[in-house]
Amino acid sequence: MIRSRLASALLPVLLLAGCTATETRQPSAGTPSPAPVATAVAAVEPAALGSIPNLTRSGHLYFAGQPSPDDLRLLPESGITTVINLRHPEEVTGFDEGAAARDLGLAYEPLPWNGPAELSDDVFDQARALLRGIDSPTLFHCGSANRVGAVWLPYRVLDEGVDLEQAVAEARQVGMRTPEYETLARDYIARNR
């Protein structure tokens, strides 16, 4: 009886101790130290900034539709330092987004593509490389966040270790709604695991 009470009392403490952001194992003598194993990633949650449509975030990444020039001016004071744009320059009318971002002191990374025919392994590879290199708040956008969700999906699974179905649900929450994008992302993930 005392053992079961003790076990019941210690179980929540042990479970909480196991829910850290990273886990480090002590190696035995003569064994090289392993790298920390990620056990938690930031969830997707709604966000708001100016009039930016479909804005959500996961950790330091903000996912969105097209920001306006006024929205871009809010980014530096909000702590956002980088803009990744998946739109072709001719899709954005009324202003040169790259020039506007750079004038505000923001890093600007274009990775233009549109439609299933342009969503290639190279686009997925480049998006993953960009996302792996991000260590400060970043706005990652296209026109509606549809493309953003599609290229974030492989990064979420292959680089952050999120379960595929959870990552698909999150990509949809971010804005992915084109079935062909999901199919291409799932195929890329399967071939790159």
N, C-alpha and C. Protein backbone atom coordinates (compact mmCIF):
# COMPACT_ATOMS: atom_id res chain seq x y z
N MET A 1 0.82 -1.19 0.00
CA MET A 1 0.00 0.00 0.00
C MET A 1 0.87 1.26 0.00
N ILE A 2 1.92 1.28 0.87
CA ILE A 2 2.80 2.43 0.93
C ILE A 2 3.55 2.59 -0.38
N ARG A 3 4.00 1.46 -0.96
CA ARG A 3 4.70 1.53 -2.26
C ARG A 3 3.82 2.13 -3.34
N SER A 4 2.57 1.71 -3.40
CA SER A 4 1.69 2.23 -4.46
C SER A 4 1.41 3.72 -4.25
N ARG A 5 1.28 4.18 -2.97
CA ARG A 5 1.10 5.61 -2.72
C ARG A 5 2.35 6.38 -3.13
N LEU A 6 3.52 5.83 -2.78
CA LEU A 6 4.77 6.48 -3.13
C LEU A 6 4.92 6.56 -4.65
N ALA A 7 4.63 5.46 -5.31
CA ALA A 7 4.71 5.45 -6.78
C ALA A 7 3.73 6.45 -7.38
N SER A 8 2.51 6.52 -6.83
CA SER A 8 1.52 7.47 -7.32
C SER A 8 1.96 8.91 -7.10
N ALA A 9 2.61 9.16 -5.98
CA ALA A 9 3.07 10.52 -5.68
C ALA A 9 4.26 10.92 -6.55
N LEU A 10 5.15 9.97 -6.85
CA LEU A 10 6.34 10.27 -7.63
C LEU A 10 6.10 10.30 -9.13
N LEU A 11 5.08 9.62 -9.61
CA LEU A 11 4.83 9.53 -11.04
C LEU A 11 4.70 10.90 -11.70
N PRO A 12 3.88 11.83 -11.17
CA PRO A 12 3.82 13.15 -11.83
C PRO A 12 5.16 13.88 -11.84
N VAL A 13 5.94 13.75 -10.76
CA VAL A 13 7.25 14.40 -10.71
C VAL A 13 8.17 13.82 -11.77
N LEU A 14 8.16 12.50 -11.91
CA LEU A 14 9.00 11.85 -12.91
C LEU A 14 8.56 12.21 -14.32
N LEU A 15 7.26 12.27 -14.54
CA LEU A 15 6.77 12.66 -15.86
C LEU A 15 7.16 14.09 -16.19
N LEU A 16 7.02 15.00 -15.23
CA LEU A 16 7.42 16.38 -15.48
C LEU A 16 8.91 16.49 -15.73
N ALA A 17 9.70 15.74 -15.03
CA ALA A 17 11.14 15.78 -15.23
C ALA A 17 11.51 15.32 -16.63
N GLY A 18 10.71 14.45 -17.22
CA GLY A 18 10.98 13.95 -18.57
C GLY A 18 10.49 14.86 -19.66
N CYS A 19 9.78 15.94 -19.33
CA CYS A 19 9.20 16.84 -20.33
C CYS A 19 10.03 18.10 -20.50
N THR A 20 11.32 17.96 -20.64
CA THR A 20 12.19 19.10 -20.87
C THR A 20 12.35 19.34 -22.35
N ALA A 21 12.84 20.51 -22.73
CA ALA A 21 13.00 20.85 -24.13
C ALA A 21 14.08 20.01 -24.80
N THR A 22 15.13 19.67 -24.07
CA THR A 22 16.14 18.79 -24.61
C THR A 22 16.52 17.78 -23.56
N GLU A 23 17.05 16.70 -24.00
CA GLU A 23 17.46 15.64 -23.10
C GLU A 23 18.92 15.34 -23.37
N THR A 24 19.72 15.27 -22.30
CA THR A 24 21.13 14.94 -22.45
C THR A 24 21.40 13.66 -21.69
N ARG A 25 21.96 12.70 -22.35
CA ARG A 25 22.30 11.43 -21.71
C ARG A 25 23.79 11.43 -21.37
N GLN A 26 24.11 10.88 -20.23
CA GLN A 26 25.50 10.77 -19.83
C GLN A 26 26.10 9.54 -20.48
N PRO A 27 27.19 9.68 -21.22
CA PRO A 27 27.80 8.53 -21.86
C PRO A 27 28.58 7.70 -20.86
N SER A 28 28.73 6.42 -21.17
CA SER A 28 29.59 5.58 -20.35
C SER A 28 31.03 5.88 -20.73
N ALA A 29 31.96 5.46 -19.89
CA ALA A 29 33.38 5.75 -20.12
C ALA A 29 33.81 5.28 -21.50
N GLY A 30 34.51 6.15 -22.22
CA GLY A 30 35.02 5.80 -23.54
C GLY A 30 34.03 5.98 -24.67
N THR A 31 32.80 6.40 -24.35
CA THR A 31 31.78 6.60 -25.37
C THR A 31 31.67 8.09 -25.66
N PRO A 32 31.66 8.50 -26.94
CA PRO A 32 31.52 9.93 -27.24
C PRO A 32 30.15 10.42 -26.79
N SER A 33 30.09 11.69 -26.37
CA SER A 33 28.84 12.29 -25.92
C SER A 33 27.90 12.48 -27.10
N PRO A 34 26.65 12.04 -26.96
CA PRO A 34 25.69 12.27 -28.04
C PRO A 34 25.20 13.71 -28.00
N ALA A 35 24.72 14.17 -29.14
CA ALA A 35 24.12 15.51 -29.21
C ALA A 35 22.81 15.49 -28.45
N PRO A 36 22.37 16.64 -27.92
CA PRO A 36 21.07 16.68 -27.27
C PRO A 36 19.98 16.24 -28.24
N VAL A 37 18.98 15.54 -27.70
CA VAL A 37 17.87 15.05 -28.50
C VAL A 37 16.69 15.96 -28.25
N ALA A 38 16.17 16.61 -29.29
CA ALA A 38 15.01 17.49 -29.14
C ALA A 38 13.79 16.67 -28.79
N THR A 39 13.05 17.09 -27.77
CA THR A 39 11.86 16.36 -27.37
C THR A 39 10.62 17.25 -27.42
N ALA A 40 10.78 18.54 -27.72
CA ALA A 40 9.63 19.43 -27.77
C ALA A 40 9.86 20.50 -28.83
N VAL A 41 8.82 20.85 -29.54
CA VAL A 41 8.89 21.93 -30.52
C VAL A 41 7.72 22.87 -30.24
N ALA A 42 7.86 24.10 -30.68
CA ALA A 42 6.81 25.10 -30.44
C ALA A 42 5.55 24.76 -31.23
N ALA A 43 4.42 24.93 -30.58
CA ALA A 43 3.13 24.71 -31.22
C ALA A 43 2.80 25.87 -32.14
N VAL A 44 1.84 25.66 -33.03
CA VAL A 44 1.34 26.72 -33.90
C VAL A 44 0.23 27.44 -33.15
N GLU A 45 0.31 28.78 -33.16
CA GLU A 45 -0.71 29.57 -32.47
C GLU A 45 -1.03 30.82 -33.28
N PRO A 46 -2.24 31.34 -33.14
CA PRO A 46 -2.60 32.57 -33.86
C PRO A 46 -1.75 33.74 -33.39
N ALA A 47 -1.54 34.70 -34.27
CA ALA A 47 -0.80 35.91 -33.94
C ALA A 47 -1.47 37.08 -34.66
N ALA A 48 -1.13 38.28 -34.26
CA ALA A 48 -1.68 39.48 -34.89
C ALA A 48 -0.61 40.55 -34.96
N LEU A 49 -0.54 41.20 -36.11
CA LEU A 49 0.38 42.32 -36.31
C LEU A 49 -0.14 43.13 -37.48
N GLY A 50 -0.54 44.36 -37.22
CA GLY A 50 -1.10 45.20 -38.28
C GLY A 50 -2.27 44.50 -38.94
N SER A 51 -2.27 44.54 -40.27
CA SER A 51 -3.35 43.90 -41.02
C SER A 51 -2.87 42.65 -41.77
N ILE A 52 -1.74 42.07 -41.32
CA ILE A 52 -1.19 40.90 -42.01
C ILE A 52 -2.20 39.75 -41.96
N PRO A 53 -2.61 39.24 -43.12
CA PRO A 53 -3.62 38.18 -43.13
C PRO A 53 -3.04 36.81 -42.76
N ASN A 54 -3.89 35.99 -42.14
CA ASN A 54 -3.57 34.60 -41.80
C ASN A 54 -2.29 34.46 -40.99
N LEU A 55 -2.05 35.35 -40.06
CA LEU A 55 -0.81 35.33 -39.29
C LEU A 55 -0.89 34.32 -38.15
N THR A 56 0.04 33.38 -38.16
CA THR A 56 0.21 32.42 -37.08
C THR A 56 1.70 32.38 -36.75
N ARG A 57 2.04 31.69 -35.67
CA ARG A 57 3.45 31.57 -35.34
C ARG A 57 3.74 30.24 -34.68
N SER A 58 5.00 29.85 -34.79
CA SER A 58 5.54 28.68 -34.08
C SER A 58 6.94 29.09 -33.65
N GLY A 59 7.11 29.33 -32.37
CA GLY A 59 8.40 29.81 -31.89
C GLY A 59 8.71 31.16 -32.50
N HIS A 60 9.87 31.27 -33.14
CA HIS A 60 10.29 32.55 -33.72
C HIS A 60 9.89 32.70 -35.20
N LEU A 61 9.14 31.72 -35.74
CA LEU A 61 8.67 31.81 -37.13
C LEU A 61 7.23 32.29 -37.17
N TYR A 62 7.00 33.32 -37.97
CA TYR A 62 5.65 33.85 -38.20
C TYR A 62 5.27 33.49 -39.63
N PHE A 63 4.09 32.91 -39.82
CA PHE A 63 3.60 32.47 -41.12
C PHE A 63 2.45 33.37 -41.51
N ALA A 64 2.39 33.77 -42.80
CA ALA A 64 1.38 34.75 -43.16
C ALA A 64 1.10 34.81 -44.64
N GLY A 65 0.02 35.55 -44.94
CA GLY A 65 -0.27 35.98 -46.29
C GLY A 65 0.52 37.27 -46.53
N GLN A 66 0.23 37.93 -47.62
CA GLN A 66 0.99 39.11 -48.06
C GLN A 66 0.86 40.29 -47.10
N PRO A 67 1.99 40.78 -46.55
CA PRO A 67 1.94 42.00 -45.75
C PRO A 67 1.89 43.24 -46.65
N SER A 68 1.28 44.28 -46.16
CA SER A 68 1.25 45.56 -46.88
C SER A 68 2.52 46.34 -46.55
N PRO A 69 2.79 47.43 -47.27
CA PRO A 69 3.93 48.28 -46.90
C PRO A 69 3.85 48.77 -45.45
N ASP A 70 2.63 49.13 -45.00
CA ASP A 70 2.47 49.56 -43.60
C ASP A 70 2.78 48.43 -42.64
N ASP A 71 2.38 47.21 -42.98
CA ASP A 71 2.68 46.05 -42.14
C ASP A 71 4.19 45.82 -42.04
N LEU A 72 4.89 45.96 -43.17
CA LEU A 72 6.34 45.79 -43.16
C LEU A 72 7.00 46.76 -42.19
N ARG A 73 6.50 47.99 -42.12
CA ARG A 73 7.08 48.99 -41.23
C ARG A 73 6.94 48.61 -39.76
N LEU A 74 5.99 47.74 -39.44
CA LEU A 74 5.79 47.29 -38.06
C LEU A 74 6.76 46.18 -37.66
N LEU A 75 7.35 45.50 -38.64
CA LEU A 75 8.18 44.34 -38.32
C LEU A 75 9.38 44.65 -37.44
N PRO A 76 10.21 45.66 -37.76
CA PRO A 76 11.38 45.90 -36.92
C PRO A 76 11.04 46.20 -35.46
N GLU A 77 10.00 47.01 -35.23
CA GLU A 77 9.64 47.34 -33.85
C GLU A 77 8.99 46.15 -33.13
N SER A 78 8.59 45.14 -33.89
CA SER A 78 8.04 43.91 -33.30
C SER A 78 9.10 42.86 -33.07
N GLY A 79 10.35 43.18 -33.43
CA GLY A 79 11.44 42.23 -33.22
C GLY A 79 11.73 41.33 -34.39
N ILE A 80 10.92 41.39 -35.43
CA ILE A 80 11.13 40.55 -36.61
C ILE A 80 12.29 41.13 -37.41
N THR A 81 13.26 40.28 -37.76
CA THR A 81 14.49 40.74 -38.43
C THR A 81 14.62 40.26 -39.86
N THR A 82 13.82 39.26 -40.25
CA THR A 82 13.98 38.64 -41.56
C THR A 82 12.62 38.41 -42.20
N VAL A 83 12.57 38.55 -43.52
CA VAL A 83 11.37 38.24 -44.30
C VAL A 83 11.76 37.20 -45.34
N ILE A 84 11.03 36.09 -45.37
CA ILE A 84 11.16 35.10 -46.44
C ILE A 84 9.89 35.19 -47.26
N ASN A 85 10.04 35.48 -48.56
CA ASN A 85 8.90 35.68 -49.45
C ASN A 85 8.88 34.59 -50.52
N LEU A 86 7.77 33.87 -50.61
CA LEU A 86 7.62 32.80 -51.60
C LEU A 86 6.93 33.27 -52.88
N ARG A 87 6.63 34.55 -52.98
CA ARG A 87 5.93 35.06 -54.15
C ARG A 87 6.90 35.55 -55.21
N HIS A 88 6.50 35.41 -56.48
CA HIS A 88 7.24 36.01 -57.58
C HIS A 88 7.08 37.53 -57.49
N PRO A 89 8.08 38.30 -57.90
CA PRO A 89 7.98 39.76 -57.80
C PRO A 89 6.74 40.33 -58.50
N GLU A 90 6.36 39.75 -59.62
CA GLU A 90 5.20 40.28 -60.35
C GLU A 90 3.86 40.00 -59.65
N GLU A 91 3.87 39.13 -58.64
CA GLU A 91 2.64 38.87 -57.88
C GLU A 91 2.33 39.99 -56.90
N VAL A 92 3.34 40.72 -56.48
CA VAL A 92 3.17 41.80 -55.50
C VAL A 92 3.08 43.11 -56.28
N THR A 93 1.91 43.69 -56.29
CA THR A 93 1.73 44.95 -57.03
C THR A 93 1.73 46.12 -56.07
N GLY A 94 2.20 47.25 -56.56
CA GLY A 94 2.15 48.47 -55.78
C GLY A 94 3.41 48.82 -55.02
N PHE A 95 4.31 47.86 -54.81
CA PHE A 95 5.57 48.19 -54.14
C PHE A 95 6.58 47.08 -54.34
N ASP A 96 7.85 47.43 -54.18
CA ASP A 96 8.95 46.48 -54.27
C ASP A 96 9.23 45.99 -52.85
N GLU A 97 8.73 44.83 -52.53
CA GLU A 97 8.83 44.33 -51.15
C GLU A 97 10.27 44.15 -50.70
N GLY A 98 11.12 43.61 -51.56
CA GLY A 98 12.51 43.41 -51.20
C GLY A 98 13.20 44.71 -50.84
N ALA A 99 13.01 45.74 -51.67
CA ALA A 99 13.62 47.05 -51.41
C ALA A 99 13.05 47.66 -50.13
N ALA A 100 11.74 47.54 -49.95
CA ALA A 100 11.10 48.09 -48.75
C ALA A 100 11.64 47.40 -47.49
N ALA A 101 11.78 46.09 -47.53
CA ALA A 101 12.28 45.35 -46.37
C ALA A 101 13.73 45.75 -46.06
N ARG A 102 14.56 45.79 -47.09
CA ARG A 102 15.97 46.16 -46.89
C ARG A 102 16.10 47.60 -46.38
N ASP A 103 15.24 48.52 -46.87
CA ASP A 103 15.26 49.91 -46.39
C ASP A 103 14.94 49.99 -44.89
N LEU A 104 14.20 49.01 -44.40
CA LEU A 104 13.84 48.97 -42.98
C LEU A 104 14.89 48.23 -42.15
N GLY A 105 15.95 47.76 -42.81
CA GLY A 105 17.00 47.04 -42.09
C GLY A 105 16.72 45.57 -41.90
N LEU A 106 15.73 45.05 -42.63
CA LEU A 106 15.38 43.64 -42.52
C LEU A 106 16.17 42.82 -43.53
N ALA A 107 16.55 41.62 -43.15
CA ALA A 107 17.11 40.67 -44.11
C ALA A 107 15.95 40.21 -44.97
N TYR A 108 16.20 40.04 -46.26
CA TYR A 108 15.13 39.67 -47.19
C TYR A 108 15.58 38.47 -48.01
N GLU A 109 14.81 37.38 -47.94
CA GLU A 109 15.14 36.14 -48.64
C GLU A 109 14.01 35.75 -49.58
N PRO A 110 14.15 35.99 -50.88
CA PRO A 110 13.11 35.54 -51.81
C PRO A 110 13.33 34.08 -52.21
N LEU A 111 12.25 33.33 -52.23
CA LEU A 111 12.26 31.95 -52.73
C LEU A 111 10.96 31.77 -53.54
N PRO A 112 10.90 32.42 -54.71
CA PRO A 112 9.64 32.46 -55.45
C PRO A 112 9.27 31.14 -56.13
N TRP A 113 8.02 30.77 -55.93
CA TRP A 113 7.42 29.65 -56.65
C TRP A 113 5.91 29.80 -56.53
N ASN A 114 5.20 29.22 -57.49
CA ASN A 114 3.75 29.29 -57.46
C ASN A 114 3.19 28.11 -58.25
N GLY A 115 2.34 27.36 -57.63
CA GLY A 115 1.67 26.25 -58.28
C GLY A 115 2.42 24.94 -58.16
N PRO A 116 1.71 23.84 -58.28
CA PRO A 116 2.30 22.51 -58.14
C PRO A 116 3.47 22.25 -59.10
N ALA A 117 3.42 22.81 -60.32
CA ALA A 117 4.50 22.57 -61.29
C ALA A 117 5.82 23.18 -60.83
N GLU A 118 5.77 24.22 -60.02
CA GLU A 118 6.99 24.87 -59.53
C GLU A 118 7.44 24.37 -58.16
N LEU A 119 6.63 23.55 -57.51
CA LEU A 119 6.98 23.04 -56.18
C LEU A 119 7.86 21.80 -56.35
N SER A 120 9.15 22.03 -56.50
CA SER A 120 10.12 20.98 -56.79
C SER A 120 10.91 20.60 -55.53
N ASP A 121 11.68 19.53 -55.65
CA ASP A 121 12.58 19.15 -54.56
C ASP A 121 13.54 20.29 -54.25
N ASP A 122 13.97 21.02 -55.27
CA ASP A 122 14.89 22.14 -55.05
C ASP A 122 14.23 23.21 -54.17
N VAL A 123 12.95 23.49 -54.38
CA VAL A 123 12.24 24.47 -53.55
C VAL A 123 12.17 23.96 -52.11
N PHE A 124 11.81 22.69 -51.93
CA PHE A 124 11.76 22.13 -50.58
C PHE A 124 13.15 22.20 -49.93
N ASP A 125 14.19 21.83 -50.67
CA ASP A 125 15.56 21.86 -50.14
C ASP A 125 15.95 23.28 -49.72
N GLN A 126 15.68 24.25 -50.58
CA GLN A 126 16.05 25.64 -50.28
C GLN A 126 15.26 26.17 -49.08
N ALA A 127 13.97 25.84 -49.00
CA ALA A 127 13.16 26.29 -47.87
C ALA A 127 13.69 25.70 -46.57
N ARG A 128 14.02 24.42 -46.59
CA ARG A 128 14.57 23.78 -45.38
C ARG A 128 15.89 24.42 -44.98
N ALA A 129 16.75 24.72 -45.95
CA ALA A 129 18.03 25.35 -45.65
C ALA A 129 17.82 26.74 -45.03
N LEU A 130 16.89 27.51 -45.60
CA LEU A 130 16.60 28.83 -45.05
C LEU A 130 16.07 28.72 -43.62
N LEU A 131 15.14 27.81 -43.40
CA LEU A 131 14.54 27.67 -42.08
C LEU A 131 15.53 27.15 -41.05
N ARG A 132 16.43 26.27 -41.46
CA ARG A 132 17.46 25.78 -40.53
C ARG A 132 18.41 26.90 -40.13
N GLY A 133 18.59 27.89 -40.99
CA GLY A 133 19.52 28.98 -40.71
C GLY A 133 18.92 30.13 -39.93
N ILE A 134 17.64 30.07 -39.64
CA ILE A 134 16.95 31.16 -38.96
C ILE A 134 17.12 31.01 -37.45
N ASP A 135 17.60 32.08 -36.82
CA ASP A 135 17.71 32.04 -35.36
C ASP A 135 17.14 33.29 -34.71
N SER A 136 16.38 34.07 -35.48
CA SER A 136 15.72 35.26 -34.94
C SER A 136 14.31 35.34 -35.53
N PRO A 137 13.44 36.15 -34.93
CA PRO A 137 12.07 36.23 -35.43
C PRO A 137 12.01 36.54 -36.92
N THR A 138 11.23 35.74 -37.65
CA THR A 138 11.18 35.78 -39.11
C THR A 138 9.74 35.71 -39.59
N LEU A 139 9.40 36.57 -40.56
CA LEU A 139 8.11 36.49 -41.23
C LEU A 139 8.29 35.68 -42.50
N PHE A 140 7.54 34.59 -42.63
CA PHE A 140 7.62 33.65 -43.74
C PHE A 140 6.27 33.72 -44.44
N HIS A 141 6.23 34.27 -45.66
CA HIS A 141 4.91 34.52 -46.26
C HIS A 141 4.85 34.21 -47.75
N CYS A 142 3.60 34.12 -48.21
CA CYS A 142 3.26 34.07 -49.64
C CYS A 142 2.02 34.96 -49.78
N GLY A 143 1.11 34.64 -50.67
CA GLY A 143 -0.08 35.46 -50.83
C GLY A 143 -1.11 35.23 -49.75
N SER A 144 -1.25 33.95 -49.32
CA SER A 144 -2.30 33.60 -48.36
C SER A 144 -1.83 32.69 -47.23
N ALA A 145 -0.60 32.23 -47.28
CA ALA A 145 0.02 31.24 -46.37
C ALA A 145 -0.18 29.81 -46.85
N ASN A 146 -0.80 29.62 -48.00
CA ASN A 146 -0.99 28.29 -48.60
C ASN A 146 0.37 27.66 -48.95
N ARG A 147 1.19 28.40 -49.69
CA ARG A 147 2.52 27.91 -50.07
C ARG A 147 3.42 27.74 -48.85
N VAL A 148 3.30 28.66 -47.90
CA VAL A 148 4.12 28.61 -46.69
C VAL A 148 3.89 27.27 -45.97
N GLY A 149 2.63 26.92 -45.77
CA GLY A 149 2.33 25.65 -45.09
C GLY A 149 2.91 24.46 -45.83
N ALA A 150 2.88 24.53 -47.17
CA ALA A 150 3.37 23.41 -47.98
C ALA A 150 4.87 23.20 -47.81
N VAL A 151 5.67 24.26 -47.83
CA VAL A 151 7.12 24.06 -47.73
C VAL A 151 7.59 23.96 -46.29
N TRP A 152 6.78 24.42 -45.34
CA TRP A 152 7.12 24.26 -43.93
C TRP A 152 6.91 22.82 -43.49
N LEU A 153 5.96 22.14 -44.10
CA LEU A 153 5.62 20.75 -43.72
C LEU A 153 6.83 19.82 -43.73
N PRO A 154 7.62 19.73 -44.80
CA PRO A 154 8.80 18.86 -44.75
C PRO A 154 9.82 19.29 -43.70
N TYR A 155 10.02 20.58 -43.54
CA TYR A 155 10.94 21.07 -42.50
C TYR A 155 10.46 20.59 -41.12
N ARG A 156 9.18 20.72 -40.89
CA ARG A 156 8.61 20.35 -39.58
C ARG A 156 8.86 18.87 -39.29
N VAL A 157 8.69 18.02 -40.29
CA VAL A 157 8.86 16.58 -40.09
C VAL A 157 10.33 16.19 -40.10
N LEU A 158 11.06 16.58 -41.14
CA LEU A 158 12.43 16.09 -41.34
C LEU A 158 13.45 16.80 -40.45
N ASP A 159 13.24 18.05 -40.14
CA ASP A 159 14.23 18.80 -39.37
C ASP A 159 13.85 19.00 -37.91
N GLU A 160 12.55 19.03 -37.63
CA GLU A 160 12.12 19.22 -36.25
C GLU A 160 11.58 17.94 -35.62
N GLY A 161 11.42 16.89 -36.40
CA GLY A 161 11.01 15.60 -35.86
C GLY A 161 9.56 15.49 -35.44
N VAL A 162 8.70 16.34 -36.00
CA VAL A 162 7.28 16.29 -35.67
C VAL A 162 6.63 15.14 -36.45
N ASP A 163 5.71 14.45 -35.82
CA ASP A 163 4.95 13.38 -36.46
C ASP A 163 4.29 13.90 -37.74
N LEU A 164 4.30 13.09 -38.79
CA LEU A 164 3.78 13.52 -40.09
C LEU A 164 2.35 14.03 -40.01
N GLU A 165 1.45 13.28 -39.39
CA GLU A 165 0.04 13.71 -39.38
C GLU A 165 -0.16 14.98 -38.55
N GLN A 166 0.60 15.11 -37.47
CA GLN A 166 0.54 16.36 -36.69
C GLN A 166 1.03 17.52 -37.54
N ALA A 167 2.13 17.30 -38.26
CA ALA A 167 2.70 18.36 -39.10
C ALA A 167 1.74 18.74 -40.23
N VAL A 168 1.05 17.78 -40.81
CA VAL A 168 0.05 18.08 -41.85
C VAL A 168 -1.06 18.95 -41.27
N ALA A 169 -1.55 18.58 -40.08
CA ALA A 169 -2.59 19.38 -39.43
C ALA A 169 -2.10 20.79 -39.16
N GLU A 170 -0.85 20.92 -38.73
CA GLU A 170 -0.29 22.25 -38.47
C GLU A 170 -0.12 23.04 -39.77
N ALA A 171 0.33 22.39 -40.83
CA ALA A 171 0.49 23.07 -42.12
C ALA A 171 -0.86 23.59 -42.61
N ARG A 172 -1.91 22.83 -42.38
CA ARG A 172 -3.26 23.28 -42.74
C ARG A 172 -3.67 24.46 -41.86
N GLN A 173 -3.31 24.40 -40.57
CA GLN A 173 -3.61 25.51 -39.67
C GLN A 173 -2.88 26.78 -40.11
N VAL A 174 -1.64 26.62 -40.56
CA VAL A 174 -0.86 27.74 -41.05
C VAL A 174 -1.50 28.33 -42.31
N GLY A 175 -2.07 27.49 -43.18
CA GLY A 175 -2.71 28.01 -44.38
C GLY A 175 -2.71 27.09 -45.59
N MET A 176 -2.01 25.94 -45.53
CA MET A 176 -1.97 25.04 -46.69
C MET A 176 -3.37 24.49 -46.96
N ARG A 177 -3.83 24.65 -48.20
CA ARG A 177 -5.15 24.13 -48.56
C ARG A 177 -5.18 23.49 -49.94
N THR A 178 -4.10 23.55 -50.70
CA THR A 178 -4.05 22.95 -52.02
C THR A 178 -3.65 21.48 -51.89
N PRO A 179 -4.54 20.53 -52.26
CA PRO A 179 -4.24 19.11 -52.09
C PRO A 179 -2.95 18.67 -52.79
N GLU A 180 -2.66 19.24 -53.96
CA GLU A 180 -1.44 18.86 -54.68
C GLU A 180 -0.18 19.24 -53.90
N TYR A 181 -0.23 20.36 -53.18
CA TYR A 181 0.92 20.76 -52.37
C TYR A 181 1.17 19.73 -51.27
N GLU A 182 0.09 19.30 -50.64
CA GLU A 182 0.23 18.28 -49.59
C GLU A 182 0.79 16.98 -50.16
N THR A 183 0.30 16.57 -51.32
CA THR A 183 0.79 15.34 -51.96
C THR A 183 2.28 15.45 -52.27
N LEU A 184 2.70 16.56 -52.83
CA LEU A 184 4.12 16.76 -53.15
C LEU A 184 4.98 16.79 -51.89
N ALA A 185 4.49 17.44 -50.84
CA ALA A 185 5.25 17.50 -49.59
C ALA A 185 5.36 16.11 -48.96
N ARG A 186 4.27 15.35 -48.96
CA ARG A 186 4.32 13.99 -48.40
C ARG A 186 5.31 13.11 -49.19
N ASP A 187 5.30 13.24 -50.51
CA ASP A 187 6.21 12.46 -51.34
C ASP A 187 7.66 12.85 -51.05
N TYR A 188 7.94 14.13 -50.94
CA TYR A 188 9.30 14.61 -50.63
C TYR A 188 9.74 14.05 -49.27
N ILE A 189 8.87 14.12 -48.30
CA ILE A 189 9.19 13.59 -46.95
C ILE A 189 9.51 12.11 -47.03
N ALA A 190 8.68 11.34 -47.71
CA ALA A 190 8.89 9.89 -47.82
C ALA A 190 10.24 9.57 -48.45
N ARG A 191 10.63 10.34 -49.45
CA ARG A 191 11.90 10.08 -50.14
C ARG A 191 13.14 10.60 -49.40
N ASN A 192 12.92 11.46 -48.41
CA ASN A 192 14.06 12.07 -47.73
C ASN A 192 14.18 11.68 -46.25
N ARG A 193 13.43 10.69 -45.85
CA ARG A 193 13.52 10.21 -44.45
C ARG A 193 14.74 9.38 -44.28
